[in-house]
Amino acid sequence: MKRKLDPNKIYAFIGRAVVYSTIYVGTVVGCIWAFCQNTIY
């Protein structure tokens, strides 16, 4: 018995993955930017 994947669950999973990766990248970039600001000034 092969179950078909629910497209709604797939879209929800992709949406969560995009949101989490965006937050992660934003945090890393923000830390690097703050570090550069502190180093320059």
C-alpha atoms as a PDB file:
ATOM      1  CA  MET A   1       0.000   0.000   0.000  1.00  0.00           C
ATOM      2  CA  LYS A   2       1.692   3.166  -1.209  1.00  0.00           C
ATOM      3  CA  ARG A   3       0.360   6.355   0.255  1.00  0.00           C
ATOM      4  CA  LYS A   4       0.411   9.464  -1.882  1.00  0.00           C
ATOM      5  CA  LEU A   5       2.004  12.462  -0.246  1.00  0.00           C
ATOM      6  CA  ASP A   6      -0.359  15.262   0.631  1.00  0.00           C
ATOM      7  CA  PRO A   7       0.613  18.368  -1.388  1.00  0.00           C
ATOM      8  CA  ASN A   8      -0.525  20.622   1.446  1.00  0.00           C
ATOM      9  CA  LYS A   9       1.924  18.956   3.833  1.00  0.00           C
ATOM     10  CA  ILE A  10       4.710  19.279   1.266  1.00  0.00           C
ATOM     11  CA  TYR A  11       3.989  22.985   0.779  1.00  0.00           C
ATOM     12  CA  ALA A  12       3.796  23.539   4.539  1.00  0.00           C
ATOM     13  CA  PHE A  13       7.153  21.777   4.980  1.00  0.00           C
ATOM     14  CA  ILE A  14       8.775  23.816   2.197  1.00  0.00           C
ATOM     15  CA  GLY A  15       7.339  27.026   3.635  1.00  0.00           C
ATOM     16  CA  ARG A  16       8.706  26.229   7.097  1.00  0.00           C
ATOM     17  CA  ALA A  17      12.104  25.335   5.640  1.00  0.00           C
ATOM     18  CA  VAL A  18      12.242  28.619   3.707  1.00  0.00           C
ATOM     19  CA  VAL A  19      11.255  30.652   6.771  1.00  0.00           C
ATOM     20  CA  TYR A  20      13.801  28.934   9.041  1.00  0.00           C
ATOM     21  CA  SER A  21      16.620  29.214   6.490  1.00  0.00           C
ATOM     22  CA  THR A  22      15.783  32.893   5.930  1.00  0.00           C
ATOM     23  CA  ILE A  23      15.896  33.584   9.685  1.00  0.00           C
ATOM     24  CA  TYR A  24      19.180  31.648   9.984  1.00  0.00           C
ATOM     25  CA  VAL A  25      20.833  33.486   7.092  1.00  0.00           C
ATOM     26  CA  GLY A  26      19.545  36.826   8.404  1.00  0.00           C
ATOM     27  CA  THR A  27      20.996  36.108  11.836  1.00  0.00           C
ATOM     28  CA  VAL A  28      24.395  35.149  10.415  1.00  0.00           C
ATOM     29  CA  VAL A  29      24.516  38.197   8.128  1.00  0.00           C
ATOM     30  CA  GLY A  30      23.401  40.439  11.000  1.00  0.00           C
ATOM     31  CA  CYS A  31      26.159  39.095  13.266  1.00  0.00           C
ATOM     32  CA  ILE A  32      28.802  39.585  10.564  1.00  0.00           C
ATOM     33  CA  TRP A  33      27.506  43.104   9.846  1.00  0.00           C
ATOM     34  CA  ALA A  34      27.524  44.033  13.561  1.00  0.00           C
ATOM     35  CA  PHE A  35      31.042  42.602  13.918  1.00  0.00           C
ATOM     36  CA  CYS A  36      32.250  44.682  10.953  1.00  0.00           C
ATOM     37  CA  GLN A  37      30.589  47.796  12.353  1.00  0.00           C
ATOM     38  CA  ASN A  38      32.322  47.313  15.697  1.00  0.00           C
ATOM     39  CA  THR A  39      35.656  46.639  14.010  1.00  0.00           C
ATOM     40  CA  ILE A  40      35.524  49.675  11.713  1.00  0.00           C
ATOM     41  CA  TYR A  41      34.441  52.180  14.349  1.00  0.00           C
END
